[in-house]
Amino acid sequence: VLQTLLLTRHVLFVGTSMLDDDLIRI
């Protein structure tokens, strides 16, 4: 689902260090 949003939307990231393993893999 998040992959789809990254492909079809502009995702605003708030409050995250961007170090989560899931997020890095996606």
mmCIF file of all heavy atoms, coordinates in Angstrom:
data_MODEL
# 
_entry.id   MODEL 
# 
loop_
_atom_site.group_PDB 
_atom_site.id 
_atom_site.type_symbol 
_atom_site.label_atom_id 
_atom_site.label_alt_id 
_atom_site.label_comp_id 
_atom_site.label_asym_id 
_atom_site.label_entity_id 
_atom_site.label_seq_id 
_atom_site.pdbx_PDB_ins_code 
_atom_site.Cartn_x 
_atom_site.Cartn_y 
_atom_site.Cartn_z 
_atom_site.occupancy 
_atom_site.B_iso_or_equiv 
_atom_site.pdbx_formal_charge 
_atom_site.auth_seq_id 
_atom_site.auth_comp_id 
_atom_site.auth_asym_id 
_atom_site.auth_atom_id 
_atom_site.pdbx_PDB_model_num 
ATOM 1   N N   . VAL A 1 1  ? 0.842  -1.199 0.000  1.00 0.00 ? 1  VAL A N   1 
ATOM 2   C CA  . VAL A 1 1  ? 0.000  0.000  0.000  1.00 0.00 ? 1  VAL A CA  1 
ATOM 3   C C   . VAL A 1 1  ? 0.879  1.252  0.000  1.00 0.00 ? 1  VAL A C   1 
ATOM 4   O O   . VAL A 1 1  ? 0.633  2.205  -0.752 1.00 0.00 ? 1  VAL A O   1 
ATOM 5   C CB  . VAL A 1 1  ? -0.940 -0.006 1.220  1.00 0.00 ? 1  VAL A CB  1 
ATOM 6   C CG1 . VAL A 1 1  ? -1.786 1.262  1.252  1.00 0.00 ? 1  VAL A CG1 1 
ATOM 7   C CG2 . VAL A 1 1  ? -1.831 -1.240 1.210  1.00 0.00 ? 1  VAL A CG2 1 
ATOM 8   N N   . LEU A 1 2  ? 1.909  1.248  0.849  1.00 0.00 ? 2  LEU A N   1 
ATOM 9   C CA  . LEU A 1 2  ? 2.816  2.400  0.873  1.00 0.00 ? 2  LEU A CA  1 
ATOM 10  C C   . LEU A 1 2  ? 3.582  2.509  -0.443 1.00 0.00 ? 2  LEU A C   1 
ATOM 11  O O   . LEU A 1 2  ? 3.816  3.626  -0.936 1.00 0.00 ? 2  LEU A O   1 
ATOM 12  C CB  . LEU A 1 2  ? 3.781  2.278  2.051  1.00 0.00 ? 2  LEU A CB  1 
ATOM 13  C CG  . LEU A 1 2  ? 4.803  3.417  2.192  1.00 0.00 ? 2  LEU A CG  1 
ATOM 14  C CD1 . LEU A 1 2  ? 4.116  4.773  2.246  1.00 0.00 ? 2  LEU A CD1 1 
ATOM 15  C CD2 . LEU A 1 2  ? 5.662  3.205  3.442  1.00 0.00 ? 2  LEU A CD2 1 
ATOM 16  N N   . GLN A 1 3  ? 3.962  1.393  -1.026 1.00 0.00 ? 3  GLN A N   1 
ATOM 17  C CA  . GLN A 1 3  ? 4.617  1.438  -2.337 1.00 0.00 ? 3  GLN A CA  1 
ATOM 18  C C   . GLN A 1 3  ? 3.729  2.129  -3.365 1.00 0.00 ? 3  GLN A C   1 
ATOM 19  O O   . GLN A 1 3  ? 4.191  2.953  -4.162 1.00 0.00 ? 3  GLN A O   1 
ATOM 20  C CB  . GLN A 1 3  ? 4.944  0.023  -2.800 1.00 0.00 ? 3  GLN A CB  1 
ATOM 21  C CG  . GLN A 1 3  ? 6.070  -0.655 -2.035 1.00 0.00 ? 3  GLN A CG  1 
ATOM 22  C CD  . GLN A 1 3  ? 6.229  -2.114 -2.426 1.00 0.00 ? 3  GLN A CD  1 
ATOM 23  O OE1 . GLN A 1 3  ? 5.303  -2.726 -2.956 1.00 0.00 ? 3  GLN A OE1 1 
ATOM 24  N NE2 . GLN A 1 3  ? 7.387  -2.682 -2.159 1.00 0.00 ? 3  GLN A NE2 1 
ATOM 25  N N   . THR A 1 4  ? 2.446  1.798  -3.345 1.00 0.00 ? 4  THR A N   1 
ATOM 26  C CA  . THR A 1 4  ? 1.509  2.419  -4.282 1.00 0.00 ? 4  THR A CA  1 
ATOM 27  C C   . THR A 1 4  ? 1.440  3.923  -4.076 1.00 0.00 ? 4  THR A C   1 
ATOM 28  O O   . THR A 1 4  ? 1.424  4.698  -5.039 1.00 0.00 ? 4  THR A O   1 
ATOM 29  C CB  . THR A 1 4  ? 0.110  1.799  -4.121 1.00 0.00 ? 4  THR A CB  1 
ATOM 30  O OG1 . THR A 1 4  ? 0.186  0.394  -4.371 1.00 0.00 ? 4  THR A OG1 1 
ATOM 31  C CG2 . THR A 1 4  ? -0.880 2.435  -5.074 1.00 0.00 ? 4  THR A CG2 1 
ATOM 32  N N   . LEU A 1 5  ? 1.412  4.364  -2.817 1.00 0.00 ? 5  LEU A N   1 
ATOM 33  C CA  . LEU A 1 5  ? 1.359  5.800  -2.546 1.00 0.00 ? 5  LEU A CA  1 
ATOM 34  C C   . LEU A 1 5  ? 2.630  6.491  -3.042 1.00 0.00 ? 5  LEU A C   1 
ATOM 35  O O   . LEU A 1 5  ? 2.567  7.596  -3.602 1.00 0.00 ? 5  LEU A O   1 
ATOM 36  C CB  . LEU A 1 5  ? 1.179  6.049  -1.048 1.00 0.00 ? 5  LEU A CB  1 
ATOM 37  C CG  . LEU A 1 5  ? -0.161 5.645  -0.444 1.00 0.00 ? 5  LEU A CG  1 
ATOM 38  C CD1 . LEU A 1 5  ? -0.186 5.939  1.053  1.00 0.00 ? 5  LEU A CD1 1 
ATOM 39  C CD2 . LEU A 1 5  ? -1.322 6.364  -1.135 1.00 0.00 ? 5  LEU A CD2 1 
ATOM 40  N N   . LEU A 1 6  ? 3.768  5.866  -2.841 1.00 0.00 ? 6  LEU A N   1 
ATOM 41  C CA  . LEU A 1 6  ? 5.016  6.467  -3.306 1.00 0.00 ? 6  LEU A CA  1 
ATOM 42  C C   . LEU A 1 6  ? 5.075  6.554  -4.832 1.00 0.00 ? 6  LEU A C   1 
ATOM 43  O O   . LEU A 1 6  ? 5.759  7.417  -5.391 1.00 0.00 ? 6  LEU A O   1 
ATOM 44  C CB  . LEU A 1 6  ? 6.206  5.669  -2.777 1.00 0.00 ? 6  LEU A CB  1 
ATOM 45  C CG  . LEU A 1 6  ? 6.473  5.801  -1.275 1.00 0.00 ? 6  LEU A CG  1 
ATOM 46  C CD1 . LEU A 1 6  ? 7.472  4.757  -0.809 1.00 0.00 ? 6  LEU A CD1 1 
ATOM 47  C CD2 . LEU A 1 6  ? 6.969  7.203  -0.936 1.00 0.00 ? 6  LEU A CD2 1 
ATOM 48  N N   . LEU A 1 7  ? 4.360  5.683  -5.499 1.00 0.00 ? 7  LEU A N   1 
ATOM 49  C CA  . LEU A 1 7  ? 4.319  5.697  -6.966 1.00 0.00 ? 7  LEU A CA  1 
ATOM 50  C C   . LEU A 1 7  ? 3.270  6.662  -7.503 1.00 0.00 ? 7  LEU A C   1 
ATOM 51  O O   . LEU A 1 7  ? 3.421  7.183  -8.617 1.00 0.00 ? 7  LEU A O   1 
ATOM 52  C CB  . LEU A 1 7  ? 4.041  4.292  -7.495 1.00 0.00 ? 7  LEU A CB  1 
ATOM 53  C CG  . LEU A 1 7  ? 5.174  3.278  -7.387 1.00 0.00 ? 7  LEU A CG  1 
ATOM 54  C CD1 . LEU A 1 7  ? 4.651  1.864  -7.668 1.00 0.00 ? 7  LEU A CD1 1 
ATOM 55  C CD2 . LEU A 1 7  ? 6.299  3.624  -8.373 1.00 0.00 ? 7  LEU A CD2 1 
ATOM 56  N N   . THR A 1 8  ? 2.198  6.896  -6.745 1.00 0.00 ? 8  THR A N   1 
ATOM 57  C CA  . THR A 1 8  ? 1.054  7.636  -7.293 1.00 0.00 ? 8  THR A CA  1 
ATOM 58  C C   . THR A 1 8  ? 0.765  8.950  -6.582 1.00 0.00 ? 8  THR A C   1 
ATOM 59  O O   . THR A 1 8  ? -0.040 9.739  -7.068 1.00 0.00 ? 8  THR A O   1 
ATOM 60  C CB  . THR A 1 8  ? -0.214 6.770  -7.227 1.00 0.00 ? 8  THR A CB  1 
ATOM 61  O OG1 . THR A 1 8  ? -0.507 6.446  -5.856 1.00 0.00 ? 8  THR A OG1 1 
ATOM 62  C CG2 . THR A 1 8  ? -0.039 5.481  -8.019 1.00 0.00 ? 8  THR A CG2 1 
ATOM 63  N N   . ARG A 1 9  ? 1.371  9.196  -5.433 1.00 0.00 ? 9  ARG A N   1 
ATOM 64  C CA  . ARG A 1 9  ? 1.127  10.409 -4.663 1.00 0.00 ? 9  ARG A CA  1 
ATOM 65  C C   . ARG A 1 9  ? 2.463  11.072 -4.324 1.00 0.00 ? 9  ARG A C   1 
ATOM 66  O O   . ARG A 1 9  ? 3.523  10.518 -4.553 1.00 0.00 ? 9  ARG A O   1 
ATOM 67  C CB  . ARG A 1 9  ? 0.386  10.096 -3.357 1.00 0.00 ? 9  ARG A CB  1 
ATOM 68  C CG  . ARG A 1 9  ? -0.985 9.494  -3.528 1.00 0.00 ? 9  ARG A CG  1 
ATOM 69  C CD  . ARG A 1 9  ? -2.000 10.548 -3.942 1.00 0.00 ? 9  ARG A CD  1 
ATOM 70  N NE  . ARG A 1 9  ? -3.348 9.992  -3.933 1.00 0.00 ? 9  ARG A NE  1 
ATOM 71  C CZ  . ARG A 1 9  ? -3.946 9.442  -4.960 1.00 0.00 ? 9  ARG A CZ  1 
ATOM 72  N NH1 . ARG A 1 9  ? -3.300 9.351  -6.125 1.00 0.00 ? 9  ARG A NH1 1 
ATOM 73  N NH2 . ARG A 1 9  ? -5.174 8.964  -4.873 1.00 0.00 ? 9  ARG A NH2 1 
ATOM 74  N N   . HIS A 1 10 ? 2.365  12.231 -3.742 1.00 0.00 ? 10 HIS A N   1 
ATOM 75  C CA  . HIS A 1 10 ? 3.528  12.864 -3.126 1.00 0.00 ? 10 HIS A CA  1 
ATOM 76  C C   . HIS A 1 10 ? 3.354  12.677 -1.621 1.00 0.00 ? 10 HIS A C   1 
ATOM 77  O O   . HIS A 1 10 ? 2.396  13.198 -1.030 1.00 0.00 ? 10 HIS A O   1 
ATOM 78  C CB  . HIS A 1 10 ? 3.600  14.352 -3.477 1.00 0.00 ? 10 HIS A CB  1 
ATOM 79  C CG  . HIS A 1 10 ? 4.863  15.016 -3.027 1.00 0.00 ? 10 HIS A CG  1 
ATOM 80  N ND1 . HIS A 1 10 ? 6.009  15.039 -3.782 1.00 0.00 ? 10 HIS A ND1 1 
ATOM 81  C CD2 . HIS A 1 10 ? 5.176  15.663 -1.865 1.00 0.00 ? 10 HIS A CD2 1 
ATOM 82  C CE1 . HIS A 1 10 ? 6.961  15.682 -3.140 1.00 0.00 ? 10 HIS A CE1 1 
ATOM 83  N NE2 . HIS A 1 10 ? 6.480  16.066 -1.963 1.00 0.00 ? 10 HIS A NE2 1 
ATOM 84  N N   . VAL A 1 11 ? 4.243  11.923 -0.996 1.00 0.00 ? 11 VAL A N   1 
ATOM 85  C CA  . VAL A 1 11 ? 4.078  11.550 0.411  1.00 0.00 ? 11 VAL A CA  1 
ATOM 86  C C   . VAL A 1 11 ? 4.831  12.533 1.295  1.00 0.00 ? 11 VAL A C   1 
ATOM 87  O O   . VAL A 1 11 ? 6.036  12.763 1.108  1.00 0.00 ? 11 VAL A O   1 
ATOM 88  C CB  . VAL A 1 11 ? 4.571  10.119 0.667  1.00 0.00 ? 11 VAL A CB  1 
ATOM 89  C CG1 . VAL A 1 11 ? 4.380  9.747  2.140  1.00 0.00 ? 11 VAL A CG1 1 
ATOM 90  C CG2 . VAL A 1 11 ? 3.815  9.128  -0.222 1.00 0.00 ? 11 VAL A CG2 1 
ATOM 91  N N   . LEU A 1 12 ? 4.126  13.104 2.248  1.00 0.00 ? 12 LEU A N   1 
ATOM 92  C CA  . LEU A 1 12 ? 4.715  14.007 3.234  1.00 0.00 ? 12 LEU A CA  1 
ATOM 93  C C   . LEU A 1 12 ? 5.078  13.194 4.474  1.00 0.00 ? 12 LEU A C   1 
ATOM 94  O O   . LEU A 1 12 ? 4.206  12.620 5.128  1.00 0.00 ? 12 LEU A O   1 
ATOM 95  C CB  . LEU A 1 12 ? 3.725  15.116 3.592  1.00 0.00 ? 12 LEU A CB  1 
ATOM 96  C CG  . LEU A 1 12 ? 4.151  16.079 4.702  1.00 0.00 ? 12 LEU A CG  1 
ATOM 97  C CD1 . LEU A 1 12 ? 5.399  16.850 4.284  1.00 0.00 ? 12 LEU A CD1 1 
ATOM 98  C CD2 . LEU A 1 12 ? 3.012  17.034 5.053  1.00 0.00 ? 12 LEU A CD2 1 
ATOM 99  N N   . PHE A 1 13 ? 6.370  13.129 4.794  1.00 0.00 ? 13 PHE A N   1 
ATOM 100 C CA  . PHE A 1 13 ? 6.852  12.378 5.949  1.00 0.00 ? 13 PHE A CA  1 
ATOM 101 C C   . PHE A 1 13 ? 7.051  13.344 7.117  1.00 0.00 ? 13 PHE A C   1 
ATOM 102 O O   . PHE A 1 13 ? 7.807  14.311 7.010  1.00 0.00 ? 13 PHE A O   1 
ATOM 103 C CB  . PHE A 1 13 ? 8.186  11.691 5.627  1.00 0.00 ? 13 PHE A CB  1 
ATOM 104 C CG  . PHE A 1 13 ? 8.083  10.607 4.585  1.00 0.00 ? 13 PHE A CG  1 
ATOM 105 C CD1 . PHE A 1 13 ? 8.205  10.907 3.234  1.00 0.00 ? 13 PHE A CD1 1 
ATOM 106 C CD2 . PHE A 1 13 ? 7.864  9.290  4.951  1.00 0.00 ? 13 PHE A CD2 1 
ATOM 107 C CE1 . PHE A 1 13 ? 8.120  9.915  2.267  1.00 0.00 ? 13 PHE A CE1 1 
ATOM 108 C CE2 . PHE A 1 13 ? 7.774  8.286  3.998  1.00 0.00 ? 13 PHE A CE2 1 
ATOM 109 C CZ  . PHE A 1 13 ? 7.900  8.606  2.648  1.00 0.00 ? 13 PHE A CZ  1 
ATOM 110 N N   . VAL A 1 14 ? 6.382  13.047 8.236  1.00 0.00 ? 14 VAL A N   1 
ATOM 111 C CA  . VAL A 1 14 ? 6.453  13.907 9.414  1.00 0.00 ? 14 VAL A CA  1 
ATOM 112 C C   . VAL A 1 14 ? 6.776  13.052 10.636 1.00 0.00 ? 14 VAL A C   1 
ATOM 113 O O   . VAL A 1 14 ? 6.151  12.012 10.856 1.00 0.00 ? 14 VAL A O   1 
ATOM 114 C CB  . VAL A 1 14 ? 5.119  14.650 9.661  1.00 0.00 ? 14 VAL A CB  1 
ATOM 115 C CG1 . VAL A 1 14 ? 5.258  15.638 10.810 1.00 0.00 ? 14 VAL A CG1 1 
ATOM 116 C CG2 . VAL A 1 14 ? 4.650  15.366 8.404  1.00 0.00 ? 14 VAL A CG2 1 
ATOM 117 N N   . GLY A 1 15 ? 7.764  13.486 11.412 1.00 0.00 ? 15 GLY A N   1 
ATOM 118 C CA  . GLY A 1 15 ? 8.055  12.816 12.668 1.00 0.00 ? 15 GLY A CA  1 
ATOM 119 C C   . GLY A 1 15 ? 8.779  11.500 12.540 1.00 0.00 ? 15 GLY A C   1 
ATOM 120 O O   . GLY A 1 15 ? 8.719  10.672 13.451 1.00 0.00 ? 15 GLY A O   1 
ATOM 121 N N   . THR A 1 16 ? 9.476  11.266 11.440 1.00 0.00 ? 16 THR A N   1 
ATOM 122 C CA  . THR A 1 16 ? 10.188 10.012 11.250 1.00 0.00 ? 16 THR A CA  1 
ATOM 123 C C   . THR A 1 16 ? 11.660 10.272 10.977 1.00 0.00 ? 16 THR A C   1 
ATOM 124 O O   . THR A 1 16 ? 12.016 11.252 10.307 1.00 0.00 ? 16 THR A O   1 
ATOM 125 C CB  . THR A 1 16 ? 9.602  9.193  10.086 1.00 0.00 ? 16 THR A CB  1 
ATOM 126 O OG1 . THR A 1 16 ? 10.393 8.024  9.876  1.00 0.00 ? 16 THR A OG1 1 
ATOM 127 C CG2 . THR A 1 16 ? 9.531  9.992  8.800  1.00 0.00 ? 16 THR A CG2 1 
ATOM 128 N N   . SER A 1 17 ? 12.511 9.377  11.502 1.00 0.00 ? 17 SER A N   1 
ATOM 129 C CA  . SER A 1 17 ? 13.952 9.494  11.280 1.00 0.00 ? 17 SER A CA  1 
ATOM 130 C C   . SER A 1 17 ? 14.370 8.907  9.942  1.00 0.00 ? 17 SER A C   1 
ATOM 131 O O   . SER A 1 17 ? 15.535 9.027  9.554  1.00 0.00 ? 17 SER A O   1 
ATOM 132 C CB  . SER A 1 17 ? 14.700 8.782  12.406 1.00 0.00 ? 17 SER A CB  1 
ATOM 133 O OG  . SER A 1 17 ? 14.408 7.394  12.391 1.00 0.00 ? 17 SER A OG  1 
ATOM 134 N N   . MET A 1 18 ? 13.455 8.252  9.250  1.00 0.00 ? 18 MET A N   1 
ATOM 135 C CA  . MET A 1 18 ? 13.737 7.596  7.964  1.00 0.00 ? 18 MET A CA  1 
ATOM 136 C C   . MET A 1 18 ? 14.771 6.479  8.118  1.00 0.00 ? 18 MET A C   1 
ATOM 137 O O   . MET A 1 18 ? 15.514 6.169  7.190  1.00 0.00 ? 18 MET A O   1 
ATOM 138 C CB  . MET A 1 18 ? 14.209 8.618  6.914  1.00 0.00 ? 18 MET A CB  1 
ATOM 139 C CG  . MET A 1 18 ? 13.239 9.756  6.655  1.00 0.00 ? 18 MET A CG  1 
ATOM 140 S SD  . MET A 1 18 ? 11.659 9.211  5.960  1.00 0.00 ? 18 MET A SD  1 
ATOM 141 C CE  . MET A 1 18 ? 12.142 8.819  4.273  1.00 0.00 ? 18 MET A CE  1 
ATOM 142 N N   . LEU A 1 19 ? 14.819 5.840  9.288  1.00 0.00 ? 19 LEU A N   1 
ATOM 143 C CA  . LEU A 1 19 ? 15.745 4.735  9.528  1.00 0.00 ? 19 LEU A CA  1 
ATOM 144 C C   . LEU A 1 19 ? 15.032 3.408  9.716  1.00 0.00 ? 19 LEU A C   1 
ATOM 145 O O   . LEU A 1 19 ? 15.675 2.392  9.985  1.00 0.00 ? 19 LEU A O   1 
ATOM 146 C CB  . LEU A 1 19 ? 16.604 5.028  10.768 1.00 0.00 ? 19 LEU A CB  1 
ATOM 147 C CG  . LEU A 1 19 ? 17.573 6.208  10.647 1.00 0.00 ? 19 LEU A CG  1 
ATOM 148 C CD1 . LEU A 1 19 ? 18.313 6.422  11.964 1.00 0.00 ? 19 LEU A CD1 1 
ATOM 149 C CD2 . LEU A 1 19 ? 18.553 5.985  9.507  1.00 0.00 ? 19 LEU A CD2 1 
ATOM 150 N N   . ASP A 1 20 ? 13.702 3.400  9.597  1.00 0.00 ? 20 ASP A N   1 
ATOM 151 C CA  . ASP A 1 20 ? 12.948 2.165  9.775  1.00 0.00 ? 20 ASP A CA  1 
ATOM 152 C C   . ASP A 1 20 ? 13.273 1.178  8.655  1.00 0.00 ? 20 ASP A C   1 
ATOM 153 O O   . ASP A 1 20 ? 13.309 1.543  7.468  1.00 0.00 ? 20 ASP A O   1 
ATOM 154 C CB  . ASP A 1 20 ? 11.443 2.477  9.780  1.00 0.00 ? 20 ASP A CB  1 
ATOM 155 C CG  . ASP A 1 20 ? 10.590 1.245  9.973  1.00 0.00 ? 20 ASP A CG  1 
ATOM 156 O OD1 . ASP A 1 20 ? 10.450 0.794  11.113 1.00 0.00 ? 20 ASP A OD1 1 
ATOM 157 O OD2 . ASP A 1 20 ? 10.090 0.721  8.954  1.00 0.00 ? 20 ASP A OD2 1 
ATOM 158 N N   . ASP A 1 21 ? 13.529 -0.080 9.025  1.00 0.00 ? 21 ASP A N   1 
ATOM 159 C CA  . ASP A 1 21 ? 13.906 -1.091 8.030  1.00 0.00 ? 21 ASP A CA  1 
ATOM 160 C C   . ASP A 1 21 ? 12.850 -1.252 6.943  1.00 0.00 ? 21 ASP A C   1 
ATOM 161 O O   . ASP A 1 21 ? 13.169 -1.390 5.756  1.00 0.00 ? 21 ASP A O   1 
ATOM 162 C CB  . ASP A 1 21 ? 14.140 -2.443 8.716  1.00 0.00 ? 21 ASP A CB  1 
ATOM 163 C CG  . ASP A 1 21 ? 15.475 -2.486 9.448  1.00 0.00 ? 21 ASP A CG  1 
ATOM 164 O OD1 . ASP A 1 21 ? 16.263 -1.540 9.297  1.00 0.00 ? 21 ASP A OD1 1 
ATOM 165 O OD2 . ASP A 1 21 ? 15.719 -3.466 10.182 1.00 0.00 ? 21 ASP A OD2 1 
ATOM 166 N N   . ASP A 1 22 ? 11.580 -1.270 7.345  1.00 0.00 ? 22 ASP A N   1 
ATOM 167 C CA  . ASP A 1 22 ? 10.507 -1.413 6.363  1.00 0.00 ? 22 ASP A CA  1 
ATOM 168 C C   . ASP A 1 22 ? 10.532 -0.258 5.366  1.00 0.00 ? 22 ASP A C   1 
ATOM 169 O O   . ASP A 1 22 ? 10.394 -0.449 4.153  1.00 0.00 ? 22 ASP A O   1 
ATOM 170 C CB  . ASP A 1 22 ? 9.150  -1.450 7.070  1.00 0.00 ? 22 ASP A CB  1 
ATOM 171 C CG  . ASP A 1 22 ? 8.840  -2.816 7.647  1.00 0.00 ? 22 ASP A CG  1 
ATOM 172 O OD1 . ASP A 1 22 ? 9.430  -3.803 7.177  1.00 0.00 ? 22 ASP A OD1 1 
ATOM 173 O OD2 . ASP A 1 22 ? 8.008  -2.902 8.567  1.00 0.00 ? 22 ASP A OD2 1 
ATOM 174 N N   . LEU A 1 23 ? 10.667 0.950  5.891  1.00 0.00 ? 23 LEU A N   1 
ATOM 175 C CA  . LEU A 1 23 ? 10.641 2.133  5.038  1.00 0.00 ? 23 LEU A CA  1 
ATOM 176 C C   . LEU A 1 23 ? 11.814 2.127  4.061  1.00 0.00 ? 23 LEU A C   1 
ATOM 177 O O   . LEU A 1 23 ? 11.653 2.452  2.876  1.00 0.00 ? 23 LEU A O   1 
ATOM 178 C CB  . LEU A 1 23 ? 10.672 3.388  5.910  1.00 0.00 ? 23 LEU A CB  1 
ATOM 179 C CG  . LEU A 1 23 ? 10.411 4.721  5.224  1.00 0.00 ? 23 LEU A CG  1 
ATOM 180 C CD1 . LEU A 1 23 ? 9.106  4.684  4.451  1.00 0.00 ? 23 LEU A CD1 1 
ATOM 181 C CD2 . LEU A 1 23 ? 10.394 5.837  6.260  1.00 0.00 ? 23 LEU A CD2 1 
ATOM 182 N N   . ILE A 1 24 ? 12.982 1.738  4.538  1.00 0.00 ? 24 ILE A N   1 
ATOM 183 C CA  . ILE A 1 24 ? 14.161 1.685  3.662  1.00 0.00 ? 24 ILE A CA  1 
ATOM 184 C C   . ILE A 1 24 ? 13.948 0.664  2.550  1.00 0.00 ? 24 ILE A C   1 
ATOM 185 O O   . ILE A 1 24 ? 14.255 0.919  1.374  1.00 0.00 ? 24 ILE A O   1 
ATOM 186 C CB  . ILE A 1 24 ? 15.414 1.356  4.497  1.00 0.00 ? 24 ILE A CB  1 
ATOM 187 C CG1 . ILE A 1 24 ? 15.732 2.524  5.431  1.00 0.00 ? 24 ILE A CG1 1 
ATOM 188 C CG2 . ILE A 1 24 ? 16.597 1.052  3.588  1.00 0.00 ? 24 ILE A CG2 1 
ATOM 189 C CD1 . ILE A 1 24 ? 16.820 2.226  6.439  1.00 0.00 ? 24 ILE A CD1 1 
ATOM 190 N N   . ARG A 1 25 ? 13.415 -0.512 2.897  1.00 0.00 ? 25 ARG A N   1 
ATOM 191 C CA  . ARG A 1 25 ? 13.194 -1.551 1.890  1.00 0.00 ? 25 ARG A CA  1 
ATOM 192 C C   . ARG A 1 25 ? 12.142 -1.106 0.867  1.00 0.00 ? 25 ARG A C   1 
ATOM 193 O O   . ARG A 1 25 ? 12.315 -1.292 -0.349 1.00 0.00 ? 25 ARG A O   1 
ATOM 194 C CB  . ARG A 1 25 ? 12.757 -2.851 2.559  1.00 0.00 ? 25 ARG A CB  1 
ATOM 195 C CG  . ARG A 1 25 ? 12.605 -4.010 1.568  1.00 0.00 ? 25 ARG A CG  1 
ATOM 196 C CD  . ARG A 1 25 ? 12.162 -5.295 2.243  1.00 0.00 ? 25 ARG A CD  1 
ATOM 197 N NE  . ARG A 1 25 ? 10.817 -5.187 2.794  1.00 0.00 ? 25 ARG A NE  1 
ATOM 198 C CZ  . ARG A 1 25 ? 10.555 -5.035 4.089  1.00 0.00 ? 25 ARG A CZ  1 
ATOM 199 N NH1 . ARG A 1 25 ? 11.538 -4.964 4.965  1.00 0.00 ? 25 ARG A NH1 1 
ATOM 200 N NH2 . ARG A 1 25 ? 9.317  -4.938 4.516  1.00 0.00 ? 25 ARG A NH2 1 
ATOM 201 N N   . ILE A 1 26 ? 11.060 -0.516 1.350  1.00 0.00 ? 26 ILE A N   1 
ATOM 202 C CA  . ILE A 1 26 ? 9.992  -0.076 0.445  1.00 0.00 ? 26 ILE A CA  1 
ATOM 203 C C   . ILE A 1 26 ? 10.512 1.003  -0.501 1.00 0.00 ? 26 ILE A C   1 
ATOM 204 O O   . ILE A 1 26 ? 10.245 0.975  -1.718 1.00 0.00 ? 26 ILE A O   1 
ATOM 205 C CB  . ILE A 1 26 ? 8.797  0.450  1.266  1.00 0.00 ? 26 ILE A CB  1 
ATOM 206 C CG1 . ILE A 1 26 ? 8.107  -0.703 1.998  1.00 0.00 ? 26 ILE A CG1 1 
ATOM 207 C CG2 . ILE A 1 26 ? 7.805  1.178  0.368  1.00 0.00 ? 26 ILE A CG2 1 
ATOM 208 C CD1 . ILE A 1 26 ? 7.116  -0.250 3.048  1.00 0.00 ? 26 ILE A CD1 1 
# 
